Amino acid sequence: MCRYAQKTYKSHYVCFQCRKSFKQPDVDDILRRIKKEKIYHEPDGGTIRKVGHIFTNRKTSGLFTKNDTEELRQLASEIENRTIKCPECGNIMADLGKDFKAPKKTAVKEWEIIESLFKTGKCFHTCGCYGMGYIPQTSREHEVYLKTILESYQKSLAFCQNKTIEEYTDKMEEINYWSERINKIKDEINHQQFKIV
């Protein structure tokens, strides 16, 4: 069973420079709190906006008006795209998801591997059933992992390229998607100074 559906969990935001992880509530949790308190506290703590009318209208009429729906959508987007800064150094933190488990601060190599994986698009956003998944522990495992992912992405790209537009209406979008992911992996392999075979 998906454990995140049963209880509120916070997402892990990471500062790679400080090698620290801090938890932050996700959008749905923030919206629930706003619904209860009728105000929205901006992430920087500077502005407080009264937004209770959106939820009051929903309660009294049973429906959101078009304006309420748009305001709620904007509010959710604003919360989703908020910038979380490290309380220690002030750098922007990376959202690694609810399943992430931070290594010890002194485990520098593990932090470097996790940062490398994040650059290639790896995050730990799941339903909570399977945990955080495989994380390479050594440079050799990291190299094998990146090359395996690259090979998998290249197969997916080849699959898209071999389909006709009639068979695959989203062909160009998929080709662009896989090409972008392949480039990220190649960039990281080069950055780590692993040889691409």
N, C-alpha and C. Protein backbone atom coordinates (compact mmCIF):
# COMPACT_ATOMS: atom_id res chain seq x y z
N MET A 1 0.84 -1.19 0.00
CA MET A 1 0.00 0.00 0.00
C MET A 1 0.88 1.25 0.00
N CYS A 2 0.46 2.27 -0.68
CA CYS A 2 1.22 3.52 -0.77
C CYS A 2 1.17 4.24 0.57
N ARG A 3 2.30 4.27 1.24
CA ARG A 3 2.29 4.85 2.59
C ARG A 3 2.07 6.36 2.58
N TYR A 4 2.42 7.04 1.48
CA TYR A 4 2.25 8.49 1.44
C TYR A 4 0.78 8.90 1.33
N ALA A 5 -0.07 7.97 0.95
CA ALA A 5 -1.51 8.26 0.88
C ALA A 5 -2.14 8.19 2.26
N GLN A 6 -1.48 7.54 3.20
CA GLN A 6 -2.05 7.32 4.52
C GLN A 6 -1.74 8.43 5.51
N LYS A 7 -0.64 9.12 5.31
CA LYS A 7 -0.15 10.06 6.30
C LYS A 7 0.62 11.18 5.61
N THR A 8 0.72 12.32 6.24
CA THR A 8 1.46 13.45 5.67
C THR A 8 2.96 13.24 5.86
N TYR A 9 3.68 13.31 4.76
CA TYR A 9 5.14 13.24 4.80
C TYR A 9 5.71 14.49 4.13
N LYS A 10 6.86 14.91 4.59
CA LYS A 10 7.50 16.08 4.01
C LYS A 10 8.57 15.65 3.02
N SER A 11 8.84 16.55 2.08
CA SER A 11 9.87 16.29 1.08
C SER A 11 11.23 16.72 1.64
N HIS A 12 12.28 16.04 1.20
CA HIS A 12 13.64 16.34 1.65
C HIS A 12 14.30 17.31 0.67
N TYR A 13 14.65 18.49 1.17
CA TYR A 13 15.39 19.47 0.38
C TYR A 13 16.83 19.41 0.82
N VAL A 14 17.74 19.46 -0.16
CA VAL A 14 19.15 19.23 0.11
C VAL A 14 20.00 20.41 -0.31
N CYS A 15 20.96 20.74 0.54
CA CYS A 15 22.00 21.71 0.17
C CYS A 15 23.27 20.90 -0.05
N PHE A 16 23.71 20.84 -1.30
CA PHE A 16 24.90 20.05 -1.60
C PHE A 16 26.17 20.70 -1.06
N GLN A 17 26.15 22.02 -0.95
CA GLN A 17 27.33 22.71 -0.43
C GLN A 17 27.53 22.42 1.07
N CYS A 18 26.46 22.50 1.84
CA CYS A 18 26.55 22.24 3.29
C CYS A 18 26.44 20.75 3.61
N ARG A 19 26.03 19.96 2.60
CA ARG A 19 25.78 18.52 2.79
C ARG A 19 24.79 18.29 3.92
N LYS A 20 23.64 18.96 3.78
CA LYS A 20 22.58 18.83 4.78
C LYS A 20 21.24 18.69 4.08
N SER A 21 20.31 18.07 4.79
CA SER A 21 18.96 17.86 4.28
C SER A 21 17.96 18.44 5.27
N PHE A 22 16.96 19.15 4.75
CA PHE A 22 15.91 19.73 5.57
C PHE A 22 14.57 19.34 4.97
N LYS A 23 13.59 19.06 5.81
CA LYS A 23 12.26 18.68 5.32
C LYS A 23 11.38 19.91 5.14
N GLN A 24 10.56 19.87 4.09
CA GLN A 24 9.60 20.94 3.80
C GLN A 24 8.28 20.30 3.40
N PRO A 25 7.15 20.91 3.77
CA PRO A 25 5.84 20.36 3.37
C PRO A 25 5.62 20.49 1.86
N ASP A 26 4.83 19.58 1.30
CA ASP A 26 4.53 19.67 -0.13
C ASP A 26 3.29 20.54 -0.36
N VAL A 27 2.94 20.73 -1.61
CA VAL A 27 1.86 21.65 -2.01
C VAL A 27 0.53 21.32 -1.33
N ASP A 28 0.15 20.04 -1.35
CA ASP A 28 -1.15 19.66 -0.78
C ASP A 28 -1.22 19.95 0.72
N ASP A 29 -0.11 19.70 1.41
CA ASP A 29 -0.09 19.97 2.85
C ASP A 29 -0.21 21.48 3.12
N ILE A 30 0.46 22.26 2.31
CA ILE A 30 0.39 23.72 2.48
C ILE A 30 -1.02 24.21 2.19
N LEU A 31 -1.64 23.68 1.14
CA LEU A 31 -3.01 24.09 0.81
C LEU A 31 -3.98 23.70 1.92
N ARG A 32 -3.78 22.53 2.52
CA ARG A 32 -4.62 22.12 3.65
C ARG A 32 -4.49 23.10 4.81
N ARG A 33 -3.24 23.52 5.08
CA ARG A 33 -3.02 24.46 6.18
C ARG A 33 -3.65 25.83 5.85
N ILE A 34 -3.52 26.25 4.60
CA ILE A 34 -4.13 27.52 4.19
C ILE A 34 -5.64 27.45 4.35
N LYS A 35 -6.22 26.32 3.95
CA LYS A 35 -7.67 26.15 4.08
C LYS A 35 -8.10 26.29 5.53
N LYS A 36 -7.30 25.74 6.43
CA LYS A 36 -7.62 25.79 7.86
C LYS A 36 -7.39 27.20 8.43
N GLU A 37 -6.25 27.81 8.09
CA GLU A 37 -5.87 29.11 8.69
C GLU A 37 -6.41 30.31 7.91
N LYS A 38 -6.80 30.08 6.65
CA LYS A 38 -7.33 31.13 5.77
C LYS A 38 -6.29 32.17 5.36
N ILE A 39 -5.01 31.88 5.57
CA ILE A 39 -3.95 32.80 5.13
C ILE A 39 -2.81 32.00 4.50
N TYR A 40 -2.06 32.67 3.65
CA TYR A 40 -0.91 32.05 3.00
C TYR A 40 0.34 32.81 3.42
N HIS A 41 1.25 32.11 4.07
CA HIS A 41 2.53 32.70 4.44
C HIS A 41 3.51 32.46 3.29
N GLU A 42 4.07 33.52 2.73
CA GLU A 42 5.04 33.38 1.65
C GLU A 42 6.28 32.67 2.18
N PRO A 43 7.00 31.92 1.32
CA PRO A 43 8.15 31.15 1.78
C PRO A 43 9.23 31.99 2.46
N ASP A 44 9.41 33.23 2.00
CA ASP A 44 10.46 34.07 2.61
C ASP A 44 10.01 34.67 3.94
N GLY A 45 8.77 34.42 4.30
CA GLY A 45 8.25 34.91 5.58
C GLY A 45 7.86 36.38 5.54
N GLY A 46 8.04 37.04 4.40
CA GLY A 46 7.78 38.47 4.30
C GLY A 46 6.32 38.85 4.17
N THR A 47 5.60 38.17 3.31
CA THR A 47 4.23 38.57 3.00
C THR A 47 3.24 37.53 3.50
N ILE A 48 2.13 38.01 4.02
CA ILE A 48 1.04 37.11 4.40
C ILE A 48 -0.18 37.56 3.61
N ARG A 49 -0.78 36.62 2.88
CA ARG A 49 -1.94 36.95 2.05
C ARG A 49 -3.17 36.25 2.58
N LYS A 50 -4.27 36.98 2.68
CA LYS A 50 -5.54 36.36 3.07
C LYS A 50 -6.16 35.71 1.84
N VAL A 51 -6.38 34.40 1.93
CA VAL A 51 -6.95 33.67 0.79
C VAL A 51 -8.14 32.82 1.23
N GLY A 52 -8.63 33.06 2.42
CA GLY A 52 -9.73 32.27 2.96
C GLY A 52 -10.99 32.33 2.13
N HIS A 53 -11.18 33.44 1.39
CA HIS A 53 -12.40 33.59 0.59
C HIS A 53 -12.55 32.47 -0.43
N ILE A 54 -11.44 31.94 -0.94
CA ILE A 54 -11.51 30.86 -1.93
C ILE A 54 -12.21 29.66 -1.31
N PHE A 55 -11.75 29.29 -0.13
CA PHE A 55 -12.30 28.10 0.52
C PHE A 55 -13.68 28.37 1.10
N THR A 56 -13.94 29.61 1.53
CA THR A 56 -15.26 29.98 2.05
C THR A 56 -16.29 29.87 0.93
N ASN A 57 -15.96 30.39 -0.27
CA ASN A 57 -16.87 30.29 -1.41
C ASN A 57 -17.18 28.83 -1.73
N ARG A 58 -16.16 27.98 -1.65
CA ARG A 58 -16.34 26.56 -1.94
C ARG A 58 -17.29 25.94 -0.92
N LYS A 59 -17.14 26.33 0.34
CA LYS A 59 -17.95 25.74 1.40
C LYS A 59 -19.41 26.18 1.28
N THR A 60 -19.64 27.46 0.98
CA THR A 60 -21.01 27.98 0.96
C THR A 60 -21.76 27.61 -0.32
N SER A 61 -21.06 27.67 -1.46
CA SER A 61 -21.76 27.41 -2.72
C SER A 61 -21.64 25.96 -3.17
N GLY A 62 -20.68 25.22 -2.60
CA GLY A 62 -20.47 23.84 -3.03
C GLY A 62 -19.56 23.75 -4.24
N LEU A 63 -19.30 24.89 -4.89
CA LEU A 63 -18.45 24.89 -6.08
C LEU A 63 -17.49 26.07 -6.04
N PHE A 64 -16.36 25.89 -6.70
CA PHE A 64 -15.46 27.02 -6.90
C PHE A 64 -15.97 27.83 -8.08
N THR A 65 -15.91 29.15 -7.98
CA THR A 65 -16.21 29.98 -9.16
C THR A 65 -14.99 29.91 -10.07
N LYS A 66 -15.14 30.41 -11.29
CA LYS A 66 -14.03 30.41 -12.24
C LYS A 66 -12.85 31.21 -11.68
N ASN A 67 -13.14 32.37 -11.07
CA ASN A 67 -12.08 33.20 -10.49
C ASN A 67 -11.41 32.49 -9.32
N ASP A 68 -12.21 31.82 -8.48
CA ASP A 68 -11.65 31.08 -7.35
C ASP A 68 -10.74 29.96 -7.83
N THR A 69 -11.20 29.24 -8.86
CA THR A 69 -10.42 28.13 -9.40
C THR A 69 -9.08 28.64 -9.94
N GLU A 70 -9.13 29.75 -10.66
CA GLU A 70 -7.89 30.32 -11.22
C GLU A 70 -6.96 30.81 -10.11
N GLU A 71 -7.52 31.45 -9.09
CA GLU A 71 -6.71 31.93 -7.98
C GLU A 71 -6.07 30.76 -7.23
N LEU A 72 -6.84 29.69 -7.05
CA LEU A 72 -6.31 28.50 -6.38
C LEU A 72 -5.21 27.85 -7.22
N ARG A 73 -5.42 27.80 -8.52
CA ARG A 73 -4.40 27.24 -9.43
C ARG A 73 -3.12 28.07 -9.38
N GLN A 74 -3.26 29.39 -9.36
CA GLN A 74 -2.09 30.27 -9.27
C GLN A 74 -1.37 30.09 -7.94
N LEU A 75 -2.14 29.96 -6.87
CA LEU A 75 -1.57 29.77 -5.55
C LEU A 75 -0.80 28.46 -5.49
N ALA A 76 -1.39 27.38 -6.02
CA ALA A 76 -0.72 26.07 -6.03
C ALA A 76 0.56 26.14 -6.87
N SER A 77 0.51 26.83 -8.00
CA SER A 77 1.69 26.98 -8.86
C SER A 77 2.78 27.76 -8.14
N GLU A 78 2.38 28.81 -7.45
CA GLU A 78 3.32 29.63 -6.69
C GLU A 78 4.01 28.80 -5.60
N ILE A 79 3.22 27.97 -4.93
CA ILE A 79 3.77 27.12 -3.87
C ILE A 79 4.70 26.07 -4.48
N GLU A 80 4.27 25.45 -5.58
CA GLU A 80 5.07 24.42 -6.25
C GLU A 80 6.41 24.96 -6.72
N ASN A 81 6.41 26.18 -7.20
CA ASN A 81 7.63 26.78 -7.78
C ASN A 81 8.38 27.66 -6.79
N ARG A 82 8.04 27.56 -5.51
CA ARG A 82 8.73 28.38 -4.52
C ARG A 82 10.20 27.98 -4.42
N THR A 83 11.00 28.92 -3.99
CA THR A 83 12.42 28.68 -3.82
C THR A 83 12.69 28.41 -2.36
N ILE A 84 13.29 27.26 -2.09
CA ILE A 84 13.66 26.92 -0.72
C ILE A 84 15.16 27.15 -0.58
N LYS A 85 15.53 28.01 0.35
CA LYS A 85 16.95 28.32 0.54
C LYS A 85 17.49 27.64 1.79
N CYS A 86 18.75 27.30 1.73
CA CYS A 86 19.42 26.66 2.85
C CYS A 86 19.48 27.64 4.02
N PRO A 87 19.04 27.22 5.20
CA PRO A 87 19.06 28.12 6.35
C PRO A 87 20.49 28.47 6.81
N GLU A 88 21.46 27.68 6.36
CA GLU A 88 22.84 27.94 6.78
C GLU A 88 23.59 28.85 5.81
N CYS A 89 23.59 28.49 4.51
CA CYS A 89 24.40 29.26 3.55
C CYS A 89 23.57 30.14 2.63
N GLY A 90 22.25 29.93 2.54
CA GLY A 90 21.39 30.75 1.70
C GLY A 90 21.30 30.29 0.26
N ASN A 91 22.00 29.22 -0.12
CA ASN A 91 21.90 28.69 -1.49
C ASN A 91 20.55 28.02 -1.71
N ILE A 92 20.12 27.97 -2.97
CA ILE A 92 18.87 27.30 -3.30
C ILE A 92 19.05 25.81 -3.11
N MET A 93 18.07 25.19 -2.47
CA MET A 93 18.14 23.77 -2.17
C MET A 93 17.42 22.96 -3.25
N ALA A 94 17.83 21.69 -3.39
CA ALA A 94 17.24 20.78 -4.36
C ALA A 94 16.21 19.88 -3.69
N ASP A 95 15.05 19.73 -4.32
CA ASP A 95 14.00 18.85 -3.80
C ASP A 95 14.30 17.43 -4.26
N LEU A 96 14.72 16.57 -3.34
CA LEU A 96 15.04 15.19 -3.70
C LEU A 96 13.93 14.22 -3.36
N GLY A 97 12.80 14.71 -2.86
CA GLY A 97 11.66 13.84 -2.66
C GLY A 97 11.52 13.30 -1.25
N LYS A 98 10.42 12.59 -1.06
CA LYS A 98 10.09 12.07 0.27
C LYS A 98 10.91 10.84 0.64
N ASP A 99 11.39 10.11 -0.35
CA ASP A 99 12.12 8.87 -0.08
C ASP A 99 13.61 9.06 0.18
N PHE A 100 14.12 10.24 -0.04
CA PHE A 100 15.56 10.47 0.10
C PHE A 100 16.02 10.30 1.54
N LYS A 101 17.15 9.65 1.69
CA LYS A 101 17.78 9.51 3.01
C LYS A 101 19.20 10.07 2.87
N ALA A 102 19.46 11.14 3.57
CA ALA A 102 20.76 11.82 3.45
C ALA A 102 21.87 11.01 4.08
N PRO A 103 23.02 10.95 3.39
CA PRO A 103 24.18 10.32 4.02
C PRO A 103 24.74 11.23 5.12
N LYS A 104 25.69 10.72 5.88
CA LYS A 104 26.33 11.55 6.90
C LYS A 104 27.04 12.71 6.24
N LYS A 105 27.15 13.80 6.95
CA LYS A 105 27.80 15.00 6.40
C LYS A 105 29.25 14.71 6.00
N THR A 106 29.89 13.82 6.71
CA THR A 106 31.29 13.50 6.43
C THR A 106 31.48 12.56 5.24
N ALA A 107 30.40 11.97 4.72
CA ALA A 107 30.47 11.05 3.59
C ALA A 107 30.49 11.84 2.28
N VAL A 108 31.59 12.52 2.03
CA VAL A 108 31.71 13.46 0.91
C VAL A 108 31.47 12.77 -0.43
N LYS A 109 32.04 11.60 -0.64
CA LYS A 109 31.89 10.90 -1.92
C LYS A 109 30.43 10.54 -2.18
N GLU A 110 29.72 10.09 -1.15
CA GLU A 110 28.29 9.77 -1.32
C GLU A 110 27.50 11.01 -1.72
N TRP A 111 27.81 12.15 -1.10
CA TRP A 111 27.14 13.41 -1.45
C TRP A 111 27.44 13.79 -2.89
N GLU A 112 28.67 13.60 -3.32
CA GLU A 112 29.04 13.93 -4.71
C GLU A 112 28.27 13.05 -5.69
N ILE A 113 28.13 11.77 -5.36
CA ILE A 113 27.38 10.86 -6.23
C ILE A 113 25.91 11.27 -6.29
N ILE A 114 25.33 11.60 -5.15
CA ILE A 114 23.92 12.02 -5.13
C ILE A 114 23.72 13.31 -5.92
N GLU A 115 24.65 14.26 -5.79
CA GLU A 115 24.55 15.50 -6.57
C GLU A 115 24.65 15.20 -8.06
N SER A 116 25.54 14.29 -8.43
CA SER A 116 25.69 13.89 -9.83
C SER A 116 24.40 13.27 -10.35
N LEU A 117 23.79 12.39 -9.54
CA LEU A 117 22.53 11.76 -9.95
C LEU A 117 21.42 12.80 -10.10
N PHE A 118 21.39 13.77 -9.20
CA PHE A 118 20.39 14.83 -9.29
C PHE A 118 20.54 15.62 -10.59
N LYS A 119 21.77 15.90 -10.99
CA LYS A 119 22.02 16.63 -12.23
C LYS A 119 21.49 15.88 -13.45
N THR A 120 21.44 14.55 -13.35
CA THR A 120 20.94 13.75 -14.48
C THR A 120 19.44 13.51 -14.40
N GLY A 121 18.79 14.08 -13.36
CA GLY A 121 17.34 13.99 -13.27
C GLY A 121 16.83 12.99 -12.25
N LYS A 122 17.72 12.35 -11.50
CA LYS A 122 17.28 11.37 -10.50
C LYS A 122 16.80 12.08 -9.25
N CYS A 123 15.58 11.78 -8.85
CA CYS A 123 15.00 12.28 -7.60
C CYS A 123 14.31 11.09 -6.93
N PHE A 124 13.81 11.31 -5.75
CA PHE A 124 13.26 10.22 -4.97
C PHE A 124 11.79 10.49 -4.65
N HIS A 125 11.03 10.79 -5.71
CA HIS A 125 9.59 11.05 -5.59
C HIS A 125 8.86 9.77 -5.98
N THR A 126 8.40 9.01 -5.02
CA THR A 126 7.63 7.80 -5.31
C THR A 126 6.39 7.80 -4.43
N CYS A 127 5.63 6.73 -4.53
CA CYS A 127 4.43 6.61 -3.69
C CYS A 127 4.79 6.10 -2.29
N GLY A 128 6.05 5.74 -2.09
CA GLY A 128 6.48 5.26 -0.79
C GLY A 128 6.54 3.76 -0.66
N CYS A 129 6.16 3.04 -1.71
CA CYS A 129 6.13 1.57 -1.63
C CYS A 129 7.51 0.94 -1.68
N TYR A 130 8.41 1.53 -2.45
CA TYR A 130 9.68 0.85 -2.74
C TYR A 130 10.91 1.51 -2.13
N GLY A 131 10.75 2.57 -1.40
CA GLY A 131 11.91 3.24 -0.83
C GLY A 131 12.67 4.04 -1.88
N MET A 132 13.89 4.42 -1.55
CA MET A 132 14.60 5.34 -2.42
C MET A 132 15.27 4.68 -3.62
N GLY A 133 15.32 3.38 -3.67
CA GLY A 133 15.91 2.71 -4.82
C GLY A 133 17.43 2.64 -4.72
N TYR A 134 18.02 2.22 -5.83
CA TYR A 134 19.47 1.98 -5.86
C TYR A 134 20.24 3.29 -5.92
N ILE A 135 21.26 3.39 -5.07
CA ILE A 135 22.19 4.52 -5.09
C ILE A 135 23.60 3.93 -5.16
N PRO A 136 24.38 4.26 -6.19
CA PRO A 136 25.75 3.77 -6.24
C PRO A 136 26.55 4.28 -5.04
N GLN A 137 27.44 3.44 -4.53
CA GLN A 137 28.23 3.82 -3.35
C GLN A 137 29.67 4.16 -3.68
N THR A 138 30.19 3.63 -4.79
CA THR A 138 31.59 3.87 -5.14
C THR A 138 31.66 4.51 -6.52
N SER A 139 32.83 5.02 -6.86
CA SER A 139 33.02 5.63 -8.19
C SER A 139 32.77 4.62 -9.30
N ARG A 140 33.22 3.39 -9.10
CA ARG A 140 33.03 2.35 -10.12
C ARG A 140 31.54 2.04 -10.30
N GLU A 141 30.81 1.89 -9.21
CA GLU A 141 29.37 1.64 -9.29
C GLU A 141 28.66 2.82 -9.96
N HIS A 142 29.10 4.02 -9.64
CA HIS A 142 28.53 5.24 -10.23
C HIS A 142 28.73 5.23 -11.74
N GLU A 143 29.94 4.90 -12.18
CA GLU A 143 30.24 4.84 -13.61
C GLU A 143 29.35 3.82 -14.31
N VAL A 144 29.26 2.62 -13.73
CA VAL A 144 28.43 1.55 -14.32
C VAL A 144 26.97 1.99 -14.37
N TYR A 145 26.50 2.61 -13.29
CA TYR A 145 25.11 3.07 -13.23
C TYR A 145 24.81 4.08 -14.34
N LEU A 146 25.67 5.10 -14.48
CA LEU A 146 25.44 6.14 -15.51
C LEU A 146 25.47 5.53 -16.91
N LYS A 147 26.40 4.62 -17.15
CA LYS A 147 26.49 4.00 -18.49
C LYS A 147 25.30 3.10 -18.78
N THR A 148 24.80 2.42 -17.75
CA THR A 148 23.61 1.57 -17.91
C THR A 148 22.39 2.43 -18.23
N ILE A 149 22.25 3.54 -17.51
CA ILE A 149 21.13 4.46 -17.76
C ILE A 149 21.25 5.04 -19.18
N LEU A 150 22.46 5.44 -19.58
CA LEU A 150 22.68 5.98 -20.92
C LEU A 150 22.25 4.97 -21.98
N GLU A 151 22.64 3.71 -21.81
CA GLU A 151 22.27 2.66 -22.76
C GLU A 151 20.75 2.49 -22.82
N SER A 152 20.10 2.53 -21.66
CA SER A 152 18.65 2.40 -21.59
C SER A 152 17.96 3.57 -22.33
N TYR A 153 18.46 4.78 -22.10
CA TYR A 153 17.88 5.96 -22.76
C TYR A 153 18.10 5.90 -24.27
N GLN A 154 19.28 5.43 -24.69
CA GLN A 154 19.55 5.33 -26.12
C GLN A 154 18.62 4.31 -26.79
N LYS A 155 18.30 3.23 -26.10
CA LYS A 155 17.35 2.25 -26.63
C LYS A 155 15.96 2.87 -26.77
N SER A 156 15.57 3.66 -25.77
CA SER A 156 14.26 4.32 -25.83
C SER A 156 14.21 5.31 -26.99
N LEU A 157 15.31 6.03 -27.21
CA LEU A 157 15.39 6.98 -28.32
C LEU A 157 15.29 6.24 -29.66
N ALA A 158 16.03 5.14 -29.79
CA ALA A 158 16.00 4.36 -31.03
C ALA A 158 14.60 3.82 -31.29
N PHE A 159 13.92 3.38 -30.24
CA PHE A 159 12.55 2.88 -30.37
C PHE A 159 11.65 3.97 -30.96
N CYS A 160 11.77 5.19 -30.43
CA CYS A 160 10.94 6.31 -30.93
C CYS A 160 11.28 6.64 -32.38
N GLN A 161 12.56 6.66 -32.67
CA GLN A 161 12.99 7.04 -34.02
C GLN A 161 12.54 6.03 -35.07
N ASN A 162 12.38 4.77 -34.68
CA ASN A 162 11.99 3.73 -35.63
C ASN A 162 10.49 3.62 -35.84
N LYS A 163 9.72 4.43 -35.15
CA LYS A 163 8.27 4.43 -35.33
C LYS A 163 7.87 5.52 -36.33
N THR A 164 6.77 5.28 -37.01
CA THR A 164 6.25 6.31 -37.92
C THR A 164 5.37 7.27 -37.11
N ILE A 165 5.11 8.43 -37.68
CA ILE A 165 4.24 9.42 -37.02
C ILE A 165 2.85 8.83 -36.81
N GLU A 166 2.37 8.01 -37.75
CA GLU A 166 1.06 7.38 -37.62
C GLU A 166 1.02 6.43 -36.42
N GLU A 167 2.12 5.69 -36.22
CA GLU A 167 2.18 4.76 -35.11
C GLU A 167 2.36 5.46 -33.77
N TYR A 168 3.04 6.59 -33.84
CA TYR A 168 3.46 7.27 -32.61
C TYR A 168 3.27 8.77 -32.77
N THR A 169 2.09 9.25 -32.42
CA THR A 169 1.74 10.66 -32.69
C THR A 169 2.63 11.65 -31.93
N ASP A 170 3.17 11.25 -30.78
CA ASP A 170 4.04 12.14 -30.00
C ASP A 170 5.51 11.90 -30.29
N LYS A 171 5.80 11.41 -31.48
CA LYS A 171 7.17 10.99 -31.82
C LYS A 171 8.20 12.09 -31.57
N MET A 172 7.98 13.28 -32.06
CA MET A 172 8.99 14.35 -31.93
C MET A 172 9.17 14.77 -30.47
N GLU A 173 8.09 14.83 -29.72
CA GLU A 173 8.21 15.16 -28.29
C GLU A 173 9.04 14.12 -27.57
N GLU A 174 8.79 12.84 -27.87
CA GLU A 174 9.54 11.76 -27.23
C GLU A 174 11.00 11.78 -27.64
N ILE A 175 11.26 12.04 -28.91
CA ILE A 175 12.65 12.12 -29.38
C ILE A 175 13.38 13.25 -28.65
N ASN A 176 12.73 14.40 -28.54
CA ASN A 176 13.34 15.52 -27.81
C ASN A 176 13.56 15.19 -26.34
N TYR A 177 12.58 14.52 -25.72
CA TYR A 177 12.68 14.13 -24.32
C TYR A 177 13.89 13.22 -24.09
N TRP A 178 14.00 12.14 -24.90
CA TRP A 178 15.09 11.19 -24.70
C TRP A 178 16.43 11.80 -25.09
N SER A 179 16.45 12.64 -26.10
CA SER A 179 17.70 13.29 -26.50
C SER A 179 18.23 14.19 -25.38
N GLU A 180 17.32 14.92 -24.75
CA GLU A 180 17.70 15.80 -23.64
C GLU A 180 18.25 14.98 -22.46
N ARG A 181 17.60 13.88 -22.16
CA ARG A 181 18.06 13.03 -21.05
C ARG A 181 19.41 12.40 -21.37
N ILE A 182 19.58 11.97 -22.62
CA ILE A 182 20.87 11.39 -23.04
C ILE A 182 21.98 12.42 -22.90
N ASN A 183 21.70 13.67 -23.31
CA ASN A 183 22.71 14.73 -23.20
C ASN A 183 23.10 15.00 -21.75
N LYS A 184 22.11 14.98 -20.84
CA LYS A 184 22.41 15.18 -19.42
C LYS A 184 23.32 14.09 -18.89
N ILE A 185 23.03 12.84 -19.27
CA ILE A 185 23.85 11.72 -18.81
C ILE A 185 25.26 11.84 -19.40
N LYS A 186 25.37 12.14 -20.69
CA LYS A 186 26.68 12.28 -21.32
C LYS A 186 27.49 13.41 -20.68
N ASP A 187 26.82 14.52 -20.41
CA ASP A 187 27.50 15.64 -19.74
C ASP A 187 28.05 15.22 -18.39
N GLU A 188 27.24 14.45 -17.64
CA GLU A 188 27.68 14.03 -16.31
C GLU A 188 28.79 12.99 -16.40
N ILE A 189 28.72 12.10 -17.38
CA ILE A 189 29.80 11.12 -17.58
C ILE A 189 31.10 11.86 -17.89
N ASN A 190 31.02 12.87 -18.76
CA ASN A 190 32.21 13.68 -19.08
C ASN A 190 32.71 14.44 -17.85
N HIS A 191 31.77 15.02 -17.09
CA HIS A 191 32.14 15.77 -15.89
C HIS A 191 32.86 14.87 -14.89
N GLN A 192 32.38 13.63 -14.77
CA GLN A 192 33.00 12.68 -13.84
C GLN A 192 34.27 12.05 -14.44
N GLN A 193 34.53 12.39 -15.70
CA GLN A 193 35.70 11.91 -16.43
C GLN A 193 35.68 10.39 -16.62
N PHE A 194 34.45 9.86 -16.82
CA PHE A 194 34.32 8.47 -17.21
C PHE A 194 34.33 8.45 -18.73
N LYS A 195 34.85 7.41 -19.32
CA LYS A 195 34.88 7.31 -20.78
C LYS A 195 33.56 6.73 -21.28
N ILE A 196 33.00 7.36 -22.31
CA ILE A 196 31.79 6.83 -22.95
C ILE A 196 32.21 5.79 -23.96
N VAL A 197 31.68 4.59 -23.80
CA VAL A 197 32.06 3.49 -24.71
C VAL A 197 31.14 3.51 -25.91
